[in-house]
Amino acid sequence: MEKKCCCEQPHKTKERSEKEYKDLMNRLKRIEGQVRGIQNMLEQDAYCMDVITQVSAVNAALNSFNRVLLSNHLKTCVAENIREGNDDVIDELITLLQKLMK
């Protein structure tokens, strides 16, 4: 299977390896479970500090997900585009980082 980079196509899609896909999906499913847990806590009138602690854990998990995804993006899409002389991907990355650092 030929690997497509997310930045080569007008719709910016990316075919991920099975391992990368499974890792990202597993992370998202755990996060989804954590969010459902927070919903249950609210339904059961859990103590505010306990809910806040769980929300903090979800935020940390999302940040970890973003770090993995960004690392994969840098190693594949960004590196491939730079090797091919497409420096526009750098501006795209700078814009993304500015949004993440607000």
PDB file of N, CA and C in Angstrom:
ATOM      1  N   MET A   1       0.849  -1.176   0.000  1.00  0.00           N
ATOM      2  CA  MET A   1       0.000   0.000   0.000  1.00  0.00           C
ATOM      3  C   MET A   1       0.897   1.243   0.000  1.00  0.00           C
ATOM      4  N   GLU A   2       0.635   2.132  -0.938  1.00  0.00           N
ATOM      5  CA  GLU A   2       1.411   3.359  -1.015  1.00  0.00           C
ATOM      6  C   GLU A   2       0.927   4.324   0.050  1.00  0.00           C
ATOM      7  N   LYS A   3       1.870   4.934   0.734  1.00  0.00           N
ATOM      8  CA  LYS A   3       1.553   5.862   1.806  1.00  0.00           C
ATOM      9  C   LYS A   3       1.276   7.238   1.215  1.00  0.00           C
ATOM     10  N   LYS A   4       0.184   7.836   1.577  1.00  0.00           N
ATOM     11  CA  LYS A   4      -0.134   9.181   1.122  1.00  0.00           C
ATOM     12  C   LYS A   4       0.106  10.149   2.264  1.00  0.00           C
ATOM     13  N   CYS A   5       0.689  11.244   1.943  1.00  0.00           N
ATOM     14  CA  CYS A   5       0.927  12.263   2.962  1.00  0.00           C
ATOM     15  C   CYS A   5      -0.299  13.161   3.063  1.00  0.00           C
ATOM     16  N   CYS A   6      -0.542  13.657   4.237  1.00  0.00           N
ATOM     17  CA  CYS A   6      -1.720  14.491   4.468  1.00  0.00           C
ATOM     18  C   CYS A   6      -1.662  15.804   3.688  1.00  0.00           C
ATOM     19  N   CYS A   7      -0.491  16.223   3.267  1.00  0.00           N
ATOM     20  CA  CYS A   7      -0.346  17.535   2.653  1.00  0.00           C
ATOM     21  C   CYS A   7      -0.279  17.477   1.131  1.00  0.00           C
ATOM     22  N   GLU A   8      -0.317  16.296   0.520  1.00  0.00           N
ATOM     23  CA  GLU A   8      -0.195  16.167  -0.917  1.00  0.00           C
ATOM     24  C   GLU A   8      -1.532  16.284  -1.628  1.00  0.00           C
ATOM     25  N   GLN A   9      -2.617  16.141  -0.942  1.00  0.00           N
ATOM     26  CA  GLN A   9      -3.928  16.096  -1.565  1.00  0.00           C
ATOM     27  C   GLN A   9      -4.729  17.331  -1.185  1.00  0.00           C
ATOM     28  N   PRO A  10      -5.639  17.751  -2.092  1.00  0.00           N
ATOM     29  CA  PRO A  10      -6.434  18.943  -1.791  1.00  0.00           C
ATOM     30  C   PRO A  10      -7.275  18.800  -0.522  1.00  0.00           C
ATOM     31  N   HIS A  11      -7.741  17.581  -0.223  1.00  0.00           N
ATOM     32  CA  HIS A  11      -8.586  17.372   0.955  1.00  0.00           C
ATOM     33  C   HIS A  11      -7.779  17.009   2.188  1.00  0.00           C
ATOM     34  N   LYS A  12      -6.478  16.950   2.027  1.00  0.00           N
ATOM     35  CA  LYS A  12      -5.561  16.689   3.130  1.00  0.00           C
ATOM     36  C   LYS A  12      -5.963  15.474   3.950  1.00  0.00           C
ATOM     37  N   THR A  13      -5.908  14.328   3.313  1.00  0.00           N
ATOM     38  CA  THR A  13      -6.151  13.075   4.018  1.00  0.00           C
ATOM     39  C   THR A  13      -4.818  12.389   4.250  1.00  0.00           C
ATOM     40  N   LYS A  14      -4.829  11.382   5.087  1.00  0.00           N
ATOM     41  CA  LYS A  14      -3.601  10.631   5.334  1.00  0.00           C
ATOM     42  C   LYS A  14      -3.936   9.187   5.643  1.00  0.00           C
ATOM     43  N   GLU A  15      -3.278   8.291   4.944  1.00  0.00           N
ATOM     44  CA  GLU A  15      -3.394   6.880   5.266  1.00  0.00           C
ATOM     45  C   GLU A  15      -2.372   6.577   6.342  1.00  0.00           C
ATOM     46  N   ARG A  16      -2.848   6.039   7.454  1.00  0.00           N
ATOM     47  CA  ARG A  16      -1.961   5.719   8.568  1.00  0.00           C
ATOM     48  C   ARG A  16      -1.678   4.228   8.576  1.00  0.00           C
ATOM     49  N   SER A  17      -0.530   3.889   9.130  1.00  0.00           N
ATOM     50  CA  SER A  17      -0.233   2.469   9.295  1.00  0.00           C
ATOM     51  C   SER A  17      -1.247   1.885  10.272  1.00  0.00           C
ATOM     52  N   GLU A  18      -1.417   0.576  10.223  1.00  0.00           N
ATOM     53  CA  GLU A  18      -2.361  -0.081  11.126  1.00  0.00           C
ATOM     54  C   GLU A  18      -1.987   0.170  12.585  1.00  0.00           C
ATOM     55  N   LYS A  19      -0.686   0.137  12.879  1.00  0.00           N
ATOM     56  CA  LYS A  19      -0.215   0.355  14.249  1.00  0.00           C
ATOM     57  C   LYS A  19      -0.537   1.776  14.721  1.00  0.00           C
ATOM     58  N   GLU A  20      -0.243   2.768  13.871  1.00  0.00           N
ATOM     59  CA  GLU A  20      -0.527   4.162  14.239  1.00  0.00           C
ATOM     60  C   GLU A  20      -2.024   4.360  14.437  1.00  0.00           C
ATOM     61  N   TYR A  21      -2.821   3.832  13.520  1.00  0.00           N
ATOM     62  CA  TYR A  21      -4.271   3.964  13.602  1.00  0.00           C
ATOM     63  C   TYR A  21      -4.808   3.352  14.898  1.00  0.00           C
ATOM     64  N   LYS A  22      -4.375   2.128  15.189  1.00  0.00           N
ATOM     65  CA  LYS A  22      -4.849   1.450  16.406  1.00  0.00           C
ATOM     66  C   LYS A  22      -4.444   2.212  17.660  1.00  0.00           C
ATOM     67  N   ASP A  23      -3.216   2.711  17.693  1.00  0.00           N
ATOM     68  CA  ASP A  23      -2.748   3.474  18.857  1.00  0.00           C
ATOM     69  C   ASP A  23      -3.605   4.716  19.068  1.00  0.00           C
ATOM     70  N   LEU A  24      -3.828   5.475  18.004  1.00  0.00           N
ATOM     71  CA  LEU A  24      -4.622   6.698  18.132  1.00  0.00           C
ATOM     72  C   LEU A  24      -6.070   6.386  18.521  1.00  0.00           C
ATOM     73  N   MET A  25      -6.653   5.365  17.909  1.00  0.00           N
ATOM     74  CA  MET A  25      -8.035   5.003  18.238  1.00  0.00           C
ATOM     75  C   MET A  25      -8.159   4.517  19.680  1.00  0.00           C
ATOM     76  N   ASN A  26      -7.197   3.728  20.140  1.00  0.00           N
ATOM     77  CA  ASN A  26      -7.232   3.264  21.531  1.00  0.00           C
ATOM     78  C   ASN A  26      -7.159   4.433  22.500  1.00  0.00           C
ATOM     79  N   ARG A  27      -6.303   5.397  22.188  1.00  0.00           N
ATOM     80  CA  ARG A  27      -6.206   6.587  23.040  1.00  0.00           C
ATOM     81  C   ARG A  27      -7.540   7.329  23.083  1.00  0.00           C
ATOM     82  N   LEU A  28      -8.154   7.517  21.913  1.00  0.00           N
ATOM     83  CA  LEU A  28      -9.432   8.234  21.861  1.00  0.00           C
ATOM     84  C   LEU A  28     -10.536   7.483  22.593  1.00  0.00           C
ATOM     85  N   LYS A  29     -10.549   6.177  22.486  1.00  0.00           N
ATOM     86  CA  LYS A  29     -11.572   5.387  23.179  1.00  0.00           C
ATOM     87  C   LYS A  29     -11.414   5.476  24.693  1.00  0.00           C
ATOM     88  N   ARG A  30     -10.149   5.514  25.163  1.00  0.00           N
ATOM     89  CA  ARG A  30      -9.925   5.683  26.612  1.00  0.00           C
ATOM     90  C   ARG A  30     -10.408   7.065  27.051  1.00  0.00           C
ATOM     91  N   ILE A  31     -10.119   8.072  26.240  1.00  0.00           N
ATOM     92  CA  ILE A  31     -10.561   9.439  26.568  1.00  0.00           C
ATOM     93  C   ILE A  31     -12.085   9.498  26.587  1.00  0.00           C
ATOM     94  N   GLU A  32     -12.707   8.865  25.608  1.00  0.00           N
ATOM     95  CA  GLU A  32     -14.167   8.824  25.565  1.00  0.00           C
ATOM     96  C   GLU A  32     -14.722   8.181  26.839  1.00  0.00           C
ATOM     97  N   GLY A  33     -14.094   7.114  27.283  1.00  0.00           N
ATOM     98  CA  GLY A  33     -14.515   6.461  28.522  1.00  0.00           C
ATOM     99  C   GLY A  33     -14.341   7.370  29.724  1.00  0.00           C
ATOM    100  N   GLN A  34     -13.250   8.124  29.743  1.00  0.00           N
ATOM    101  CA  GLN A  34     -13.033   9.057  30.849  1.00  0.00           C
ATOM    102  C   GLN A  34     -14.121  10.130  30.864  1.00  0.00           C
ATOM    103  N   VAL A  35     -14.495  10.635  29.686  1.00  0.00           N
ATOM    104  CA  VAL A  35     -15.531  11.673  29.612  1.00  0.00           C
ATOM    105  C   VAL A  35     -16.875  11.104  30.076  1.00  0.00           C
ATOM    106  N   ARG A  36     -17.176   9.880  29.661  1.00  0.00           N
ATOM    107  CA  ARG A  36     -18.414   9.252  30.148  1.00  0.00           C
ATOM    108  C   ARG A  36     -18.374   9.087  31.670  1.00  0.00           C
ATOM    109  N   GLY A  37     -17.203   8.789  32.194  1.00  0.00           N
ATOM    110  CA  GLY A  37     -17.050   8.683  33.641  1.00  0.00           C
ATOM    111  C   GLY A  37     -17.362  10.004  34.336  1.00  0.00           C
ATOM    112  N   ILE A  38     -16.930  11.096  33.728  1.00  0.00           N
ATOM    113  CA  ILE A  38     -17.224  12.424  34.294  1.00  0.00           C
ATOM    114  C   ILE A  38     -18.729  12.691  34.247  1.00  0.00           C
ATOM    115  N   GLN A  39     -19.378  12.307  33.153  1.00  0.00           N
ATOM    116  CA  GLN A  39     -20.834  12.464  33.071  1.00  0.00           C
ATOM    117  C   GLN A  39     -21.522  11.687  34.186  1.00  0.00           C
ATOM    118  N   ASN A  40     -21.068  10.476  34.423  1.00  0.00           N
ATOM    119  CA  ASN A  40     -21.639   9.657  35.508  1.00  0.00           C
ATOM    120  C   ASN A  40     -21.399  10.305  36.862  1.00  0.00           C
ATOM    121  N   MET A  41     -20.232  10.880  37.036  1.00  0.00           N
ATOM    122  CA  MET A  41     -19.931  11.553  38.300  1.00  0.00           C
ATOM    123  C   MET A  41     -20.924  12.689  38.546  1.00  0.00           C
ATOM    124  N   LEU A  42     -21.212  13.455  37.501  1.00  0.00           N
ATOM    125  CA  LEU A  42     -22.168  14.558  37.655  1.00  0.00           C
ATOM    126  C   LEU A  42     -23.562  14.031  37.970  1.00  0.00           C
ATOM    127  N   GLU A  43     -23.942  12.958  37.269  1.00  0.00           N
ATOM    128  CA  GLU A  43     -25.253  12.363  37.525  1.00  0.00           C
ATOM    129  C   GLU A  43     -25.376  11.848  38.952  1.00  0.00           C
ATOM    130  N   GLN A  44     -24.256  11.454  39.560  1.00  0.00           N
ATOM    131  CA  GLN A  44     -24.252  10.917  40.921  1.00  0.00           C
ATOM    132  C   GLN A  44     -23.868  11.977  41.951  1.00  0.00           C
ATOM    133  N   ASP A  45     -23.885  13.248  41.514  1.00  0.00           N
ATOM    134  CA  ASP A  45     -23.592  14.372  42.406  1.00  0.00           C
ATOM    135  C   ASP A  45     -22.229  14.256  43.079  1.00  0.00           C
ATOM    136  N   ALA A  46     -21.217  13.872  42.303  1.00  0.00           N
ATOM    137  CA  ALA A  46     -19.862  13.731  42.845  1.00  0.00           C
ATOM    138  C   ALA A  46     -19.340  15.089  43.324  1.00  0.00           C
ATOM    139  N   TYR A  47     -18.426  15.021  44.243  1.00  0.00           N
ATOM    140  CA  TYR A  47     -17.798  16.213  44.817  1.00  0.00           C
ATOM    141  C   TYR A  47     -17.030  16.966  43.726  1.00  0.00           C
ATOM    142  N   CYS A  48     -17.141  18.293  43.740  1.00  0.00           N
ATOM    143  CA  CYS A  48     -16.550  19.147  42.706  1.00  0.00           C
ATOM    144  C   CYS A  48     -15.067  18.851  42.468  1.00  0.00           C
ATOM    145  N   MET A  49     -14.307  18.731  43.519  1.00  0.00           N
ATOM    146  CA  MET A  49     -12.859  18.508  43.369  1.00  0.00           C
ATOM    147  C   MET A  49     -12.562  17.179  42.668  1.00  0.00           C
ATOM    148  N   ASP A  50     -13.390  16.174  42.913  1.00  0.00           N
ATOM    149  CA  ASP A  50     -13.212  14.884  42.247  1.00  0.00           C
ATOM    150  C   ASP A  50     -13.486  15.008  40.748  1.00  0.00           C
ATOM    151  N   VAL A  51     -14.516  15.765  40.394  1.00  0.00           N
ATOM    152  CA  VAL A  51     -14.840  15.979  38.982  1.00  0.00           C
ATOM    153  C   VAL A  51     -13.711  16.760  38.309  1.00  0.00           C
ATOM    154  N   ILE A  52     -13.243  17.802  38.966  1.00  0.00           N
ATOM    155  CA  ILE A  52     -12.156  18.614  38.409  1.00  0.00           C
ATOM    156  C   ILE A  52     -10.904  17.769  38.198  1.00  0.00           C
ATOM    157  N   THR A  53     -10.625  16.881  39.121  1.00  0.00           N
ATOM    158  CA  THR A  53      -9.463  15.994  38.984  1.00  0.00           C
ATOM    159  C   THR A  53      -9.605  15.125  37.739  1.00  0.00           C
ATOM    160  N   GLN A  54     -10.798  14.611  37.502  1.00  0.00           N
ATOM    161  CA  GLN A  54     -11.020  13.767  36.327  1.00  0.00           C
ATOM    162  C   GLN A  54     -10.967  14.579  35.029  1.00  0.00           C
ATOM    163  N   VAL A  55     -11.467  15.799  35.057  1.00  0.00           N
ATOM    164  CA  VAL A  55     -11.383  16.672  33.882  1.00  0.00           C
ATOM    165  C   VAL A  55      -9.918  16.958  33.566  1.00  0.00           C
ATOM    166  N   SER A  56      -9.129  17.172  34.593  1.00  0.00           N
ATOM    167  CA  SER A  56      -7.698  17.394  34.401  1.00  0.00           C
ATOM    168  C   SER A  56      -7.039  16.178  33.755  1.00  0.00           C
ATOM    169  N   ALA A  57      -7.453  14.997  34.147  1.00  0.00           N
ATOM    170  CA  ALA A  57      -6.914  13.761  33.557  1.00  0.00           C
ATOM    171  C   ALA A  57      -7.287  13.662  32.083  1.00  0.00           C
ATOM    172  N   VAL A  58      -8.509  14.065  31.727  1.00  0.00           N
ATOM    173  CA  VAL A  58      -8.927  14.060  30.320  1.00  0.00           C
ATOM    174  C   VAL A  58      -8.098  15.062  29.524  1.00  0.00           C
ATOM    175  N   ASN A  59      -7.894  16.235  30.086  1.00  0.00           N
ATOM    176  CA  ASN A  59      -7.059  17.235  29.403  1.00  0.00           C
ATOM    177  C   ASN A  59      -5.647  16.708  29.162  1.00  0.00           C
ATOM    178  N   ALA A  60      -5.080  16.039  30.147  1.00  0.00           N
ATOM    179  CA  ALA A  60      -3.740  15.475  29.998  1.00  0.00           C
ATOM    180  C   ALA A  60      -3.727  14.398  28.911  1.00  0.00           C
ATOM    181  N   ALA A  61      -4.768  13.582  28.867  1.00  0.00           N
ATOM    182  CA  ALA A  61      -4.853  12.527  27.850  1.00  0.00           C
ATOM    183  C   ALA A  61      -4.987  13.128  26.451  1.00  0.00           C
ATOM    184  N   LEU A  62      -5.780  14.191  26.314  1.00  0.00           N
ATOM    185  CA  LEU A  62      -5.909  14.865  25.017  1.00  0.00           C
ATOM    186  C   LEU A  62      -4.591  15.502  24.592  1.00  0.00           C
ATOM    187  N   ASN A  63      -3.891  16.104  25.545  1.00  0.00           N
ATOM    188  CA  ASN A  63      -2.580  16.686  25.230  1.00  0.00           C
ATOM    189  C   ASN A  63      -1.599  15.608  24.774  1.00  0.00           C
ATOM    190  N   SER A  64      -1.643  14.460  25.419  1.00  0.00           N
ATOM    191  CA  SER A  64      -0.786  13.347  25.027  1.00  0.00           C
ATOM    192  C   SER A  64      -1.138  12.865  23.619  1.00  0.00           C
ATOM    193  N   PHE A  65      -2.426  12.774  23.328  1.00  0.00           N
ATOM    194  CA  PHE A  65      -2.888  12.389  21.993  1.00  0.00           C
ATOM    195  C   PHE A  65      -2.339  13.374  20.953  1.00  0.00           C
ATOM    196  N   ASN A  66      -2.461  14.666  21.241  1.00  0.00           N
ATOM    197  CA  ASN A  66      -1.950  15.696  20.323  1.00  0.00           C
ATOM    198  C   ASN A  66      -0.444  15.567  20.114  1.00  0.00           C
ATOM    199  N   ARG A  67       0.302  15.288  21.172  1.00  0.00           N
ATOM    200  CA  ARG A  67       1.753  15.140  21.039  1.00  0.00           C
ATOM    201  C   ARG A  67       2.117  13.979  20.125  1.00  0.00           C
ATOM    202  N   VAL A  68       1.423  12.861  20.289  1.00  0.00           N
ATOM    203  CA  VAL A  68       1.686  11.692  19.438  1.00  0.00           C
ATOM    204  C   VAL A  68       1.331  12.004  17.990  1.00  0.00           C
ATOM    205  N   LEU A  69       0.167  12.608  17.773  1.00  0.00           N
ATOM    206  CA  LEU A  69      -0.279  12.940  16.427  1.00  0.00           C
ATOM    207  C   LEU A  69       0.665  13.949  15.766  1.00  0.00           C
ATOM    208  N   LEU A  70       1.077  14.954  16.509  1.00  0.00           N
ATOM    209  CA  LEU A  70       2.002  15.953  15.974  1.00  0.00           C
ATOM    210  C   LEU A  70       3.357  15.340  15.650  1.00  0.00           C
ATOM    211  N   SER A  71       3.840  14.475  16.495  1.00  0.00           N
ATOM    212  CA  SER A  71       5.104  13.793  16.246  1.00  0.00           C
ATOM    213  C   SER A  71       5.039  12.972  14.960  1.00  0.00           C
ATOM    214  N   ASN A  72       3.952  12.228  14.799  1.00  0.00           N
ATOM    215  CA  ASN A  72       3.769  11.444  13.578  1.00  0.00           C
ATOM    216  C   ASN A  72       3.701  12.350  12.352  1.00  0.00           C
ATOM    217  N   HIS A  73       3.013  13.469  12.487  1.00  0.00           N
ATOM    218  CA  HIS A  73       2.886  14.428  11.381  1.00  0.00           C
ATOM    219  C   HIS A  73       4.256  14.982  10.988  1.00  0.00           C
ATOM    220  N   LEU A  74       5.051  15.336  11.977  1.00  0.00           N
ATOM    221  CA  LEU A  74       6.388  15.871  11.689  1.00  0.00           C
ATOM    222  C   LEU A  74       7.271  14.838  10.989  1.00  0.00           C
ATOM    223  N   LYS A  75       7.197  13.595  11.461  1.00  0.00           N
ATOM    224  CA  LYS A  75       8.053  12.540  10.915  1.00  0.00           C
ATOM    225  C   LYS A  75       7.632  12.104   9.511  1.00  0.00           C
ATOM    226  N   THR A  76       6.368  12.315   9.166  1.00  0.00           N
ATOM    227  CA  THR A  76       5.893  11.860   7.856  1.00  0.00           C
ATOM    228  C   THR A  76       5.602  13.041   6.949  1.00  0.00           C
ATOM    229  N   CYS A  77       4.480  13.668   7.111  1.00  0.00           N
ATOM    230  CA  CYS A  77       4.030  14.732   6.203  1.00  0.00           C
ATOM    231  C   CYS A  77       5.022  15.875   6.082  1.00  0.00           C
ATOM    232  N   VAL A  78       5.425  16.414   7.209  1.00  0.00           N
ATOM    233  CA  VAL A  78       6.317  17.581   7.170  1.00  0.00           C
ATOM    234  C   VAL A  78       7.662  17.202   6.562  1.00  0.00           C
ATOM    235  N   ALA A  79       8.247  16.113   7.025  1.00  0.00           N
ATOM    236  CA  ALA A  79       9.559  15.684   6.507  1.00  0.00           C
ATOM    237  C   ALA A  79       9.488  15.399   5.011  1.00  0.00           C
ATOM    238  N   GLU A  80       8.448  14.688   4.562  1.00  0.00           N
ATOM    239  CA  GLU A  80       8.313  14.357   3.145  1.00  0.00           C
ATOM    240  C   GLU A  80       8.158  15.606   2.296  1.00  0.00           C
ATOM    241  N   ASN A  81       7.348  16.545   2.762  1.00  0.00           N
ATOM    242  CA  ASN A  81       7.141  17.775   2.002  1.00  0.00           C
ATOM    243  C   ASN A  81       8.407  18.614   1.914  1.00  0.00           C
ATOM    244  N   ILE A  82       9.146  18.693   2.989  1.00  0.00           N
ATOM    245  CA  ILE A  82      10.402  19.470   2.962  1.00  0.00           C
ATOM    246  C   ILE A  82      11.391  18.811   2.008  1.00  0.00           C
ATOM    247  N   ARG A  83      11.497  17.480   2.053  1.00  0.00           N
ATOM    248  CA  ARG A  83      12.398  16.774   1.125  1.00  0.00           C
ATOM    249  C   ARG A  83      12.018  17.032  -0.327  1.00  0.00           C
ATOM    250  N   GLU A  84      10.722  17.196  -0.585  1.00  0.00           N
ATOM    251  CA  GLU A  84      10.237  17.440  -1.944  1.00  0.00           C
ATOM    252  C   GLU A  84      10.277  18.921  -2.314  1.00  0.00           C
ATOM    253  N   GLY A  85      10.757  19.778  -1.419  1.00  0.00           N
ATOM    254  CA  GLY A  85      10.876  21.202  -1.702  1.00  0.00           C
ATOM    255  C   GLY A  85       9.630  22.013  -1.428  1.00  0.00           C
ATOM    256  N   ASN A  86       8.639  21.421  -0.775  1.00  0.00           N
ATOM    257  CA  ASN A  86       7.404  22.134  -0.446  1.00  0.00           C
ATOM    258  C   ASN A  86       7.525  22.731   0.951  1.00  0.00           C
ATOM    259  N   ASP A  87       7.964  23.976   0.999  1.00  0.00           N
ATOM    260  CA  ASP A  87       8.155  24.648   2.285  1.00  0.00           C
ATOM    261  C   ASP A  87       6.863  25.235   2.849  1.00  0.00           C
ATOM    262  N   ASP A  88       5.762  25.179   2.076  1.00  0.00           N
ATOM    263  CA  ASP A  88       4.478  25.692   2.568  1.00  0.00           C
ATOM    264  C   ASP A  88       4.032  24.954   3.824  1.00  0.00           C
ATOM    265  N   VAL A  89       4.464  23.710   3.937  1.00  0.00           N
ATOM    266  CA  VAL A  89       4.086  22.903   5.097  1.00  0.00           C
ATOM    267  C   VAL A  89       4.636  23.511   6.394  1.00  0.00           C
ATOM    268  N   ILE A  90       5.722  24.251   6.296  1.00  0.00           N
ATOM    269  CA  ILE A  90       6.288  24.911   7.480  1.00  0.00           C
ATOM    270  C   ILE A  90       5.350  26.008   7.968  1.00  0.00           C
ATOM    271  N   ASP A  91       4.824  26.805   7.028  1.00  0.00           N
ATOM    272  CA  ASP A  91       3.873  27.856   7.412  1.00  0.00           C
ATOM    273  C   ASP A  91       2.615  27.251   8.026  1.00  0.00           C
ATOM    274  N   GLU A  92       2.169  26.126   7.467  1.00  0.00           N
ATOM    275  CA  GLU A  92       1.006  25.432   8.008  1.00  0.00           C
ATOM    276  C   GLU A  92       1.276  24.978   9.441  1.00  0.00           C
ATOM    277  N   LEU A  93       2.464  24.459   9.670  1.00  0.00           N
ATOM    278  CA  LEU A  93       2.846  23.993  11.009  1.00  0.00           C
ATOM    279  C   LEU A  93       2.946  25.168  11.989  1.00  0.00           C
ATOM    280  N   ILE A  94       3.509  26.268  11.556  1.00  0.00           N
ATOM    281  CA  ILE A  94       3.613  27.457  12.413  1.00  0.00           C
ATOM    282  C   ILE A  94       2.224  27.937  12.819  1.00  0.00           C
ATOM    283  N   THR A  95       1.302  27.971  11.867  1.00  0.00           N
ATOM    284  CA  THR A  95      -0.077  28.385  12.159  1.00  0.00           C
ATOM    285  C   THR A  95      -0.717  27.451  13.175  1.00  0.00           C
ATOM    286  N   LEU A  96      -0.506  26.159  12.998  1.00  0.00           N
ATOM    287  CA  LEU A  96      -1.045  25.181  13.944  1.00  0.00           C
ATOM    288  C   LEU A  96      -0.478  25.391  15.344  1.00  0.00           C
ATOM    289  N   LEU A  97       0.842  25.550  15.435  1.00  0.00           N
ATOM    290  CA  LEU A  97       1.467  25.732  16.740  1.00  0.00           C
ATOM    291  C   LEU A  97       0.976  27.016  17.429  1.00  0.00           C
ATOM    292  N   GLN A  98       0.743  28.063  16.646  1.00  0.00           N
ATOM    293  CA  GLN A  98       0.224  29.300  17.229  1.00  0.00           C
ATOM    294  C   GLN A  98      -1.162  29.079  17.820  1.00  0.00           C
ATOM    295  N   LYS A  99      -1.991  28.267  17.138  1.00  0.00           N
ATOM    296  CA  LYS A  99      -3.334  27.963  17.652  1.00  0.00           C
ATOM    297  C   LYS A  99      -3.230  27.128  18.933  1.00  0.00           C
ATOM    298  N   LEU A 100      -2.301  26.181  18.959  1.00  0.00           N
ATOM    299  CA  LEU A 100      -2.157  25.304  20.115  1.00  0.00           C
ATOM    300  C   LEU A 100      -1.634  26.037  21.338  1.00  0.00           C
ATOM    301  N   MET A 101      -0.888  27.107  21.123  1.00  0.00           N
ATOM    302  CA  MET A 101      -0.230  27.798  22.229  1.00  0.00           C
ATOM    303  C   MET A 101      -1.010  28.997  22.731  1.00  0.00           C
ATOM    304  N   LYS A 102      -2.269  29.128  22.371  1.00  0.00           N
ATOM    305  CA  LYS A 102      -3.085  30.249  22.859  1.00  0.00           C
ATOM    306  C   LYS A 102      -3.386  30.110  24.310  1.00  0.00           C
TER     307      LYS A 102
END
